[in-house]
PDB file of N, CA and C in Angstrom:
ATOM      1  N   MET A   1      96.356  98.610  63.610  1.00  0.00           N
ATOM      2  CA  MET A   1      96.790  99.738  64.357  1.00  0.00           C
ATOM      3  C   MET A   1      97.707 100.772  63.851  1.00  0.00           C
ATOM      4  N   GLY A   2      98.459 100.132  63.224  1.00  0.00           N
ATOM      5  CA  GLY A   2      99.831 100.899  62.569  1.00  0.00           C
ATOM      6  C   GLY A   2     100.678 101.166  63.053  1.00  0.00           C
ATOM      7  N   VAL A   3     101.544 102.009  62.631  1.00  0.00           N
ATOM      8  CA  VAL A   3     102.984 102.053  63.585  1.00  0.00           C
ATOM      9  C   VAL A   3     102.609 102.897  64.625  1.00  0.00           C
ATOM     10  N   GLY A   4     103.244 102.643  65.689  1.00  0.00           N
ATOM     11  CA  GLY A   4     102.798 103.615  67.054  1.00  0.00           C
ATOM     12  C   GLY A   4     101.194 103.978  66.944  1.00  0.00           C
ATOM     13  N   GLY A   5     100.691 103.142  66.541  1.00  0.00           N
ATOM     14  CA  GLY A   5      98.799 103.349  66.716  1.00  0.00           C
ATOM     15  C   GLY A   5      98.491 104.472  65.482  1.00  0.00           C
ATOM     16  N   SER A   6      99.438 104.653  64.630  1.00  0.00           N
ATOM     17  CA  SER A   6      98.800 105.790  63.472  1.00  0.00           C
ATOM     18  C   SER A   6      97.548 106.119  62.915  1.00  0.00           C
ATOM     19  N   ARG A   7      97.050 104.307  63.128  1.00  0.00           N
ATOM     20  CA  ARG A   7      95.839 104.240  62.149  1.00  0.00           C
ATOM     21  C   ARG A   7      94.405 104.565  63.245  1.00  0.00           C
ATOM     22  N   LEU A   8      94.677 104.527  64.537  1.00  0.00           N
ATOM     23  CA  LEU A   8      93.595 104.956  65.245  1.00  0.00           C
ATOM     24  C   LEU A   8      93.244 106.107  65.747  1.00  0.00           C
ATOM     25  N   SER A   9      91.500 106.619  65.447  1.00  0.00           N
ATOM     26  CA  SER A   9      91.446 108.036  65.822  1.00  0.00           C
ATOM     27  C   SER A   9      92.429 108.464  67.386  1.00  0.00           C
ATOM     28  N   THR A  10      92.452 109.722  67.331  1.00  0.00           N
ATOM     29  CA  THR A  10      92.505 110.562  69.267  1.00  0.00           C
ATOM     30  C   THR A  10      91.911 109.642  69.697  1.00  0.00           C
ATOM     31  N   GLY A  11      90.734 109.531  69.988  1.00  0.00           N
ATOM     32  CA  GLY A  11      89.851 109.246  71.430  1.00  0.00           C
ATOM     33  C   GLY A  11      90.384 107.694  71.349  1.00  0.00           C
ATOM     34  N   GLN A  12      90.443 106.521  70.095  1.00  0.00           N
ATOM     35  CA  GLN A  12      90.920 105.292  70.081  1.00  0.00           C
ATOM     36  C   GLN A  12      92.517 105.237  71.033  1.00  0.00           C
ATOM     37  N   ARG A  13      93.459 106.062  71.220  1.00  0.00           N
ATOM     38  CA  ARG A  13      94.311 106.062  71.523  1.00  0.00           C
ATOM     39  C   ARG A  13      94.586 106.671  72.732  1.00  0.00           C
ATOM     40  N   GLN A  14      93.483 107.732  73.221  1.00  0.00           N
ATOM     41  CA  GLN A  14      93.491 108.051  74.509  1.00  0.00           C
ATOM     42  C   GLN A  14      92.576 106.780  75.171  1.00  0.00           C
ATOM     43  N   LYS A  15      91.936 105.703  74.629  1.00  0.00           N
ATOM     44  CA  LYS A  15      91.442 104.865  75.499  1.00  0.00           C
ATOM     45  C   LYS A  15      92.466 103.584  75.904  1.00  0.00           C
ATOM     46  N   LEU A  16      93.557 103.361  74.731  1.00  0.00           N
ATOM     47  CA  LEU A  16      94.621 102.458  74.297  1.00  0.00           C
ATOM     48  C   LEU A  16      95.248 102.465  76.065  1.00  0.00           C
ATOM     49  N   GLY A  17      95.881 104.352  76.178  1.00  0.00           N
ATOM     50  CA  GLY A  17      96.518 104.517  76.885  1.00  0.00           C
ATOM     51  C   GLY A  17      96.050 104.782  78.538  1.00  0.00           C
ATOM     52  N   ILE A  18      94.909 104.566  78.671  1.00  0.00           N
ATOM     53  CA  ILE A  18      94.005 104.992  80.062  1.00  0.00           C
ATOM     54  C   ILE A  18      94.524 103.183  80.315  1.00  0.00           C
ATOM     55  N   ALA A  19      94.000 102.368  79.116  1.00  0.00           N
ATOM     56  CA  ALA A  19      93.873 100.667  79.200  1.00  0.00           C
ATOM     57  C   ALA A  19      95.311 100.009  80.158  1.00  0.00           C
ATOM     58  N   ARG A  20      96.379 100.615  79.024  1.00  0.00           N
ATOM     59  CA  ARG A  20      98.205 100.165  79.473  1.00  0.00           C
ATOM     60  C   ARG A  20      97.949 100.713  80.762  1.00  0.00           C
ATOM     61  N   ALA A  21      97.424 102.193  81.347  1.00  0.00           N
ATOM     62  CA  ALA A  21      97.956 102.560  82.222  1.00  0.00           C
ATOM     63  C   ALA A  21      96.962 101.902  83.457  1.00  0.00           C
ATOM     64  N   LEU A  22      96.251 101.368  83.160  1.00  0.00           N
ATOM     65  CA  LEU A  22      95.620 100.523  84.139  1.00  0.00           C
ATOM     66  C   LEU A  22      96.108  98.882  84.572  1.00  0.00           C
ATOM     67  N   LEU A  23      96.663  98.696  83.553  1.00  0.00           N
ATOM     68  CA  LEU A  23      97.230  97.179  83.306  1.00  0.00           C
ATOM     69  C   LEU A  23      98.741  97.120  83.851  1.00  0.00           C
ATOM     70  N   LYS A  24      98.967  98.377  84.195  1.00  0.00           N
ATOM     71  CA  LYS A  24     100.411  98.802  85.525  1.00  0.00           C
ATOM     72  C   LYS A  24      99.874  98.279  86.218  1.00  0.00           C
ATOM     73  N   ARG A  25      99.019  98.798  87.197  1.00  0.00           N
ATOM     74  CA  ARG A  25      98.396  98.783  88.172  1.00  0.00           C
ATOM     75  C   ARG A  25      99.470  99.152  89.545  1.00  0.00           C
ATOM     76  N   ALA A  26      99.647 100.482  88.998  1.00  0.00           N
ATOM     77  CA  ALA A  26     100.434 101.463  89.591  1.00  0.00           C
ATOM     78  C   ALA A  26      99.451 101.589  90.959  1.00  0.00           C
ATOM     79  N   ASP A  27     100.233 102.259  92.043  1.00  0.00           N
ATOM     80  CA  ASP A  27      99.398 102.625  93.593  1.00  0.00           C
ATOM     81  C   ASP A  27      99.098 104.254  93.056  1.00  0.00           C
ATOM     82  N   LEU A  28     100.093 104.827  92.203  1.00  0.00           N
ATOM     83  CA  LEU A  28      99.041 106.432  91.962  1.00  0.00           C
ATOM     84  C   LEU A  28      99.111 106.303  90.346  1.00  0.00           C
ATOM     85  N   MET A  29      97.889 106.936  89.712  1.00  0.00           N
ATOM     86  CA  MET A  29      97.783 106.873  88.287  1.00  0.00           C
ATOM     87  C   MET A  29      97.054 108.637  88.241  1.00  0.00           C
ATOM     88  N   ILE A  30      97.977 109.415  87.107  1.00  0.00           N
ATOM     89  CA  ILE A  30      97.745 110.655  86.974  1.00  0.00           C
ATOM     90  C   ILE A  30      97.601 110.936  85.320  1.00  0.00           C
ATOM     91  N   LEU A  31      96.004 111.218  85.172  1.00  0.00           N
ATOM     92  CA  LEU A  31      95.289 111.422  84.335  1.00  0.00           C
ATOM     93  C   LEU A  31      95.184 112.963  83.822  1.00  0.00           C
ATOM     94  N   SER A  32      95.806 113.383  82.793  1.00  0.00           N
ATOM     95  CA  SER A  32      95.807 114.859  82.169  1.00  0.00           C
ATOM     96  C   SER A  32      95.284 114.741  81.003  1.00  0.00           C
ATOM     97  N   GLU A  33      93.283 115.351  81.340  1.00  0.00           N
ATOM     98  CA  GLU A  33      92.742 115.749  80.012  1.00  0.00           C
ATOM     99  C   GLU A  33      92.633 114.201  79.427  1.00  0.00           C
ATOM    100  N   SER A  34      92.741 113.171  79.943  1.00  0.00           N
ATOM    101  CA  SER A  34      93.014 111.882  79.169  1.00  0.00           C
ATOM    102  C   SER A  34      91.699 111.575  78.668  1.00  0.00           C
ATOM    103  N   THR A  35      90.344 111.951  78.327  1.00  0.00           N
ATOM    104  CA  THR A  35      89.241 112.138  77.768  1.00  0.00           C
ATOM    105  C   THR A  35      89.207 112.915  77.003  1.00  0.00           C
ATOM    106  N   SER A  36      89.616 113.732  76.592  1.00  0.00           N
ATOM    107  CA  SER A  36      89.162 115.059  76.218  1.00  0.00           C
ATOM    108  C   SER A  36      88.410 114.874  74.182  1.00  0.00           C
ATOM    109  N   ASP A  37      88.738 114.185  73.645  1.00  0.00           N
ATOM    110  CA  ASP A  37      88.730 113.990  72.702  1.00  0.00           C
ATOM    111  C   ASP A  37      87.520 112.952  72.303  1.00  0.00           C
ATOM    112  N   LEU A  38      86.483 112.465  73.446  1.00  0.00           N
ATOM    113  CA  LEU A  38      85.700 111.927  73.543  1.00  0.00           C
ATOM    114  C   LEU A  38      84.290 112.377  73.948  1.00  0.00           C
ATOM    115  N   ASP A  39      83.151 112.561  73.431  1.00  0.00           N
ATOM    116  CA  ASP A  39      82.117 113.059  73.592  1.00  0.00           C
ATOM    117  C   ASP A  39      81.821 112.894  75.351  1.00  0.00           C
ATOM    118  N   PRO A  40      80.804 113.794  75.832  1.00  0.00           N
ATOM    119  CA  PRO A  40      80.534 113.333  77.061  1.00  0.00           C
ATOM    120  C   PRO A  40      80.074 112.287  77.407  1.00  0.00           C
ATOM    121  N   LEU A  41      79.189 111.422  76.958  1.00  0.00           N
ATOM    122  CA  LEU A  41      78.943 110.571  77.637  1.00  0.00           C
ATOM    123  C   LEU A  41      79.954 109.312  77.689  1.00  0.00           C
ATOM    124  N   ALA A  42      80.615 109.308  76.715  1.00  0.00           N
ATOM    125  CA  ALA A  42      81.774 108.435  76.959  1.00  0.00           C
ATOM    126  C   ALA A  42      82.978 108.916  77.763  1.00  0.00           C
ATOM    127  N   GLN A  43      82.811 109.776  77.888  1.00  0.00           N
ATOM    128  CA  GLN A  43      83.959 110.391  79.047  1.00  0.00           C
ATOM    129  C   GLN A  43      83.334 109.816  80.573  1.00  0.00           C
ATOM    130  N   ASP A  44      82.043 109.933  80.436  1.00  0.00           N
ATOM    131  CA  ASP A  44      81.449 109.227  81.809  1.00  0.00           C
ATOM    132  C   ASP A  44      81.150 107.796  81.990  1.00  0.00           C
ATOM    133  N   ARG A  45      81.387 107.171  81.151  1.00  0.00           N
ATOM    134  CA  ARG A  45      81.060 106.165  81.413  1.00  0.00           C
ATOM    135  C   ARG A  45      82.275 105.330  81.478  1.00  0.00           C
ATOM    136  N   LEU A  46      83.719 105.735  80.929  1.00  0.00           N
ATOM    137  CA  LEU A  46      85.270 105.836  80.832  1.00  0.00           C
ATOM    138  C   LEU A  46      85.573 105.844  82.335  1.00  0.00           C
ATOM    139  N   ALA A  47      85.032 107.517  82.565  1.00  0.00           N
ATOM    140  CA  ALA A  47      85.862 107.620  84.039  1.00  0.00           C
ATOM    141  C   ALA A  47      85.025 106.678  85.005  1.00  0.00           C
ATOM    142  N   GLU A  48      83.653 106.015  84.880  1.00  0.00           N
ATOM    143  CA  GLU A  48      83.002 104.972  85.748  1.00  0.00           C
ATOM    144  C   GLU A  48      83.898 103.923  86.014  1.00  0.00           C
ATOM    145  N   LYS A  49      84.343 103.535  84.691  1.00  0.00           N
ATOM    146  CA  LYS A  49      84.807 102.119  84.828  1.00  0.00           C
ATOM    147  C   LYS A  49      86.482 102.432  85.259  1.00  0.00           C
ATOM    148  N   VAL A  50      86.772 103.356  84.977  1.00  0.00           N
ATOM    149  CA  VAL A  50      88.373 103.519  85.890  1.00  0.00           C
ATOM    150  C   VAL A  50      88.290 103.709  86.849  1.00  0.00           C
ATOM    151  N   LEU A  51      87.293 104.726  87.535  1.00  0.00           N
ATOM    152  CA  LEU A  51      87.272 104.500  89.034  1.00  0.00           C
ATOM    153  C   LEU A  51      87.036 103.238  89.619  1.00  0.00           C
ATOM    154  N   GLU A  52      86.378 102.502  89.351  1.00  0.00           N
ATOM    155  CA  GLU A  52      85.730 101.044  89.635  1.00  0.00           C
ATOM    156  C   GLU A  52      87.063 100.707  90.008  1.00  0.00           C
ATOM    157  N   ALA A  53      88.030 100.546  88.450  1.00  0.00           N
ATOM    158  CA  ALA A  53      89.150  99.387  88.470  1.00  0.00           C
ATOM    159  C   ALA A  53      90.241 100.187  89.272  1.00  0.00           C
ATOM    160  N   ARG A  54      90.081 101.371  89.765  1.00  0.00           N
ATOM    161  CA  ARG A  54      91.141 101.581  90.605  1.00  0.00           C
ATOM    162  C   ARG A  54      90.674 102.069  92.311  1.00  0.00           C
ATOM    163  N   GLU A  55      89.581 101.296  92.289  1.00  0.00           N
ATOM    164  CA  GLU A  55      89.516 101.225  93.547  1.00  0.00           C
ATOM    165  C   GLU A  55      90.471 100.925  94.671  1.00  0.00           C
ATOM    166  N   ARG A  56      90.295 101.970  96.046  1.00  0.00           N
ATOM    167  CA  ARG A  56      91.642 101.492  96.951  1.00  0.00           C
ATOM    168  C   ARG A  56      92.865 101.825  96.586  1.00  0.00           C
ATOM    169  N   ARG A  57      93.188 102.765  95.388  1.00  0.00           N
ATOM    170  CA  ARG A  57      94.696 103.359  94.537  1.00  0.00           C
ATOM    171  C   ARG A  57      94.315 104.280  94.519  1.00  0.00           C
ATOM    172  N   GLY A  58      95.416 105.119  94.432  1.00  0.00           N
ATOM    173  CA  GLY A  58      95.130 106.932  94.021  1.00  0.00           C
ATOM    174  C   GLY A  58      94.905 107.233  93.046  1.00  0.00           C
ATOM    175  N   ILE A  59      94.292 108.426  92.211  1.00  0.00           N
ATOM    176  CA  ILE A  59      94.449 108.610  91.184  1.00  0.00           C
ATOM    177  C   ILE A  59      94.315 110.234  91.100  1.00  0.00           C
ATOM    178  N   VAL A  60      95.142 110.851  90.226  1.00  0.00           N
ATOM    179  CA  VAL A  60      94.880 112.128  90.139  1.00  0.00           C
ATOM    180  C   VAL A  60      94.323 112.658  88.692  1.00  0.00           C
ATOM    181  N   TRP A  61      93.336 113.062  88.386  1.00  0.00           N
ATOM    182  CA  TRP A  61      92.441 113.237  87.107  1.00  0.00           C
ATOM    183  C   TRP A  61      92.295 114.969  87.157  1.00  0.00           C
ATOM    184  N   ILE A  62      93.297 115.451  85.941  1.00  0.00           N
ATOM    185  CA  ILE A  62      92.494 116.569  85.655  1.00  0.00           C
ATOM    186  C   ILE A  62      91.677 116.811  84.409  1.00  0.00           C
ATOM    187  N   VAL A  63      89.984 117.194  84.860  1.00  0.00           N
ATOM    188  CA  VAL A  63      89.404 116.821  84.153  1.00  0.00           C
ATOM    189  C   VAL A  63      88.890 118.150  83.168  1.00  0.00           C
ATOM    190  N   ASN A  64      88.458 118.004  82.073  1.00  0.00           N
ATOM    191  CA  ASN A  64      88.382 118.921  80.677  1.00  0.00           C
ATOM    192  C   ASN A  64      86.879 119.495  80.831  1.00  0.00           C
ATOM    193  N   ARG A  65      86.182 118.800  81.622  1.00  0.00           N
ATOM    194  CA  ARG A  65      84.987 119.358  82.353  1.00  0.00           C
ATOM    195  C   ARG A  65      84.228 119.615  83.597  1.00  0.00           C
ATOM    196  N   ALA A  66      84.258 120.390  84.124  1.00  0.00           N
ATOM    197  CA  ALA A  66      83.641 120.657  85.375  1.00  0.00           C
ATOM    198  C   ALA A  66      82.800 119.836  86.097  1.00  0.00           C
ATOM    199  N   GLY A  67      81.938 119.232  85.776  1.00  0.00           N
ATOM    200  CA  GLY A  67      80.976 118.465  86.062  1.00  0.00           C
ATOM    201  C   GLY A  67      81.617 116.989  86.267  1.00  0.00           C
ATOM    202  N   MET A  68      82.489 116.983  85.740  1.00  0.00           N
ATOM    203  CA  MET A  68      83.102 115.351  86.039  1.00  0.00           C
ATOM    204  C   MET A  68      83.754 115.007  87.388  1.00  0.00           C
ATOM    205  N   ALA A  69      84.148 116.632  88.000  1.00  0.00           N
ATOM    206  CA  ALA A  69      84.589 116.593  89.195  1.00  0.00           C
ATOM    207  C   ALA A  69      83.801 115.892  90.323  1.00  0.00           C
ATOM    208  N   SER A  70      82.136 115.633  90.260  1.00  0.00           N
ATOM    209  CA  SER A  70      81.848 115.035  91.128  1.00  0.00           C
ATOM    210  C   SER A  70      82.263 113.745  91.615  1.00  0.00           C
ATOM    211  N   ARG A  71      82.491 113.307  90.642  1.00  0.00           N
ATOM    212  CA  ARG A  71      82.980 111.782  91.159  1.00  0.00           C
ATOM    213  C   ARG A  71      84.035 111.679  91.998  1.00  0.00           C
ATOM    214  N   PHE A  72      84.835 112.687  92.173  1.00  0.00           N
ATOM    215  CA  PHE A  72      86.151 112.464  92.786  1.00  0.00           C
ATOM    216  C   PHE A  72      85.494 113.075  94.609  1.00  0.00           C
ATOM    217  N   ASP A  73      86.397 112.656  95.525  1.00  0.00           N
ATOM    218  CA  ASP A  73      86.609 112.721  97.054  1.00  0.00           C
ATOM    219  C   ASP A  73      86.946 114.013  97.389  1.00  0.00           C
ATOM    220  N   ARG A  74      87.955 114.441  96.741  1.00  0.00           N
ATOM    221  CA  ARG A  74      88.542 115.938  96.520  1.00  0.00           C
ATOM    222  C   ARG A  74      88.677 116.399  95.404  1.00  0.00           C
ATOM    223  N   VAL A  75      88.307 117.733  95.787  1.00  0.00           N
ATOM    224  CA  VAL A  75      88.456 118.634  94.166  1.00  0.00           C
ATOM    225  C   VAL A  75      89.461 119.846  94.664  1.00  0.00           C
ATOM    226  N   ILE A  76      90.694 120.008  93.677  1.00  0.00           N
ATOM    227  CA  ILE A  76      91.207 121.180  93.686  1.00  0.00           C
ATOM    228  C   ILE A  76      90.815 122.214  92.277  1.00  0.00           C
ATOM    229  N   VAL A  77      90.362 123.217  92.561  1.00  0.00           N
ATOM    230  CA  VAL A  77      90.409 124.298  91.461  1.00  0.00           C
ATOM    231  C   VAL A  77      91.243 125.264  91.520  1.00  0.00           C
ATOM    232  N   LEU A  78      91.715 124.742  90.381  1.00  0.00           N
ATOM    233  CA  LEU A  78      93.232 126.138  89.800  1.00  0.00           C
ATOM    234  C   LEU A  78      92.543 127.412  89.186  1.00  0.00           C
ATOM    235  N   ASP A  79      92.957 128.270  89.765  1.00  0.00           N
ATOM    236  CA  ASP A  79      92.637 129.600  88.660  1.00  0.00           C
ATOM    237  C   ASP A  79      94.132 130.425  88.662  1.00  0.00           C
ATOM    238  N   ASP A  80      94.534 130.181  87.256  1.00  0.00           N
ATOM    239  CA  ASP A  80      95.801 131.442  86.847  1.00  0.00           C
ATOM    240  C   ASP A  80      96.565 130.682  87.229  1.00  0.00           C
ATOM    241  N   GLY A  81      96.813 128.915  87.629  1.00  0.00           N
ATOM    242  CA  GLY A  81      98.067 128.241  88.186  1.00  0.00           C
ATOM    243  C   GLY A  81      97.778 128.119  89.619  1.00  0.00           C
ATOM    244  N   ARG A  82      97.004 128.703  90.031  1.00  0.00           N
ATOM    245  CA  ARG A  82      97.531 129.136  91.685  1.00  0.00           C
ATOM    246  C   ARG A  82      95.415 128.106  92.303  1.00  0.00           C
ATOM    247  N   VAL A  83      95.977 127.528  93.422  1.00  0.00           N
ATOM    248  CA  VAL A  83      94.570 127.198  94.245  1.00  0.00           C
ATOM    249  C   VAL A  83      93.686 127.764  94.880  1.00  0.00           C
ATOM    250  N   ALA A  84      92.610 127.866  94.047  1.00  0.00           N
ATOM    251  CA  ALA A  84      91.511 128.822  94.399  1.00  0.00           C
ATOM    252  C   ALA A  84      90.462 128.571  95.353  1.00  0.00           C
ATOM    253  N   GLU A  85      90.355 126.543  94.605  1.00  0.00           N
ATOM    254  CA  GLU A  85      89.793 126.076  96.556  1.00  0.00           C
ATOM    255  C   GLU A  85      89.962 124.459  96.554  1.00  0.00           C
ATOM    256  N   ASP A  86      89.919 124.034  97.421  1.00  0.00           N
ATOM    257  CA  ASP A  86      89.990 122.843  97.708  1.00  0.00           C
ATOM    258  C   ASP A  86      89.225 121.920  98.495  1.00  0.00           C
ATOM    259  N   GLY A  87      88.578 120.991  98.335  1.00  0.00           N
ATOM    260  CA  GLY A  87      87.677 119.936  99.423  1.00  0.00           C
ATOM    261  C   GLY A  87      86.663 119.476  98.515  1.00  0.00           C
ATOM    262  N   ALA A  88      85.764 119.099  99.078  1.00  0.00           N
ATOM    263  CA  ALA A  88      84.503 117.910  98.704  1.00  0.00           C
ATOM    264  C   ALA A  88      83.908 118.506  97.623  1.00  0.00           C
ATOM    265  N   PHE A  89      83.771 117.941  96.531  1.00  0.00           N
ATOM    266  CA  PHE A  89      82.505 118.583  95.512  1.00  0.00           C
ATOM    267  C   PHE A  89      81.300 119.270  96.285  1.00  0.00           C
ATOM    268  N   GLY A  90      80.612 118.764  96.773  1.00  0.00           N
ATOM    269  CA  GLY A  90      79.729 119.291  97.607  1.00  0.00           C
ATOM    270  C   GLY A  90      79.956 120.193  98.360  1.00  0.00           C
ATOM    271  N   GLU A  91      80.812 120.520  99.142  1.00  0.00           N
ATOM    272  CA  GLU A  91      81.448 121.954  99.831  1.00  0.00           C
ATOM    273  C   GLU A  91      81.634 122.741  98.826  1.00  0.00           C
ATOM    274  N   LEU A  92      82.087 122.847  97.937  1.00  0.00           N
ATOM    275  CA  LEU A  92      82.760 123.801  97.126  1.00  0.00           C
ATOM    276  C   LEU A  92      81.374 123.995  95.727  1.00  0.00           C
ATOM    277  N   ASP A  93      80.821 123.334  95.566  1.00  0.00           N
ATOM    278  CA  ASP A  93      79.419 123.162  94.788  1.00  0.00           C
ATOM    279  C   ASP A  93      78.377 124.209  95.153  1.00  0.00           C
ATOM    280  N   LYS A  94      78.799 125.377  95.550  1.00  0.00           N
ATOM    281  CA  LYS A  94      77.697 126.167  96.515  1.00  0.00           C
ATOM    282  C   LYS A  94      78.149 127.730  95.637  1.00  0.00           C
ATOM    283  N   ASP A  95      76.948 128.625  96.099  1.00  0.00           N
ATOM    284  CA  ASP A  95      77.225 129.687  95.367  1.00  0.00           C
ATOM    285  C   ASP A  95      78.486 130.358  95.200  1.00  0.00           C
ATOM    286  N   ARG A  96      78.973 131.505  94.667  1.00  0.00           N
ATOM    287  CA  ARG A  96      80.172 132.283  94.265  1.00  0.00           C
ATOM    288  C   ARG A  96      81.556 131.556  94.649  1.00  0.00           C
ATOM    289  N   THR A  97      81.262 130.551  94.112  1.00  0.00           N
ATOM    290  CA  THR A  97      82.598 129.381  94.312  1.00  0.00           C
ATOM    291  C   THR A  97      83.336 129.798  92.942  1.00  0.00           C
ATOM    292  N   ALA A  98      84.451 129.205  92.864  1.00  0.00           N
ATOM    293  CA  ALA A  98      85.252 128.891  91.546  1.00  0.00           C
ATOM    294  C   ALA A  98      84.495 127.838  90.903  1.00  0.00           C
ATOM    295  N   LEU A  99      84.618 126.808  91.442  1.00  0.00           N
ATOM    296  CA  LEU A  99      83.922 125.458  90.929  1.00  0.00           C
ATOM    297  C   LEU A  99      82.373 125.658  90.357  1.00  0.00           C
ATOM    298  N   ARG A 100      81.644 126.743  91.240  1.00  0.00           N
ATOM    299  CA  ARG A 100      80.390 126.928  90.721  1.00  0.00           C
ATOM    300  C   ARG A 100      80.455 127.821  89.377  1.00  0.00           C
ATOM    301  N   GLY A 101      81.089 128.651  88.986  1.00  0.00           N
ATOM    302  CA  GLY A 101      81.408 129.419  88.084  1.00  0.00           C
ATOM    303  C   GLY A 101      81.860 128.703  86.866  1.00  0.00           C
ATOM    304  N   LEU A 102      82.769 127.348  87.538  1.00  0.00           N
ATOM    305  CA  LEU A 102      83.367 126.718  85.672  1.00  0.00           C
ATOM    306  C   LEU A 102      82.386 125.882  85.662  1.00  0.00           C
ATOM    307  N   LEU A 103      81.470 125.179  86.608  1.00  0.00           N
ATOM    308  CA  LEU A 103      80.294 124.761  86.628  1.00  0.00           C
ATOM    309  C   LEU A 103      78.914 125.222  85.544  1.00  0.00           C
ATOM    310  N   GLU A 104      78.917 126.578  86.104  1.00  0.00           N
ATOM    311  CA  GLU A 104      77.670 127.606  85.107  1.00  0.00           C
ATOM    312  C   GLU A 104      78.402 127.931  83.901  1.00  0.00           C
ATOM    313  N   SER A 105      79.711 127.568  83.591  1.00  0.00           N
ATOM    314  CA  SER A 105      80.258 128.154  82.437  1.00  0.00           C
ATOM    315  C   SER A 105      80.148 127.214  81.276  1.00  0.00           C
ATOM    316  N   ALA A 106      79.956 125.865  81.738  1.00  0.00           N
ATOM    317  CA  ALA A 106      80.270 124.666  80.638  1.00  0.00           C
ATOM    318  C   ALA A 106      78.629 124.614  79.976  1.00  0.00           C
TER     319      ALA A 106
END
């Protein structure tokens, strides 16, 4: 692995960081674009496993693909640092919403 994980790829370091956070079993886990260096399929698989492992515990996940937001109970869409929308994915996934714009631009 090298000193400080220097021999690991960026994606491997991201996965290792998530694994370490899961082992701590904290009440709240915050992930900020933690899967950005993984391909979309790997991101989806990892998100599914993390959400299963975090059942009944809080998680805040800043996603790098808007489509990943469908996995969460509550979605907050930021626009220029301000809350543009807040609610369930199904409520926000409608015509002329900030979330819809992000989904279509992806």
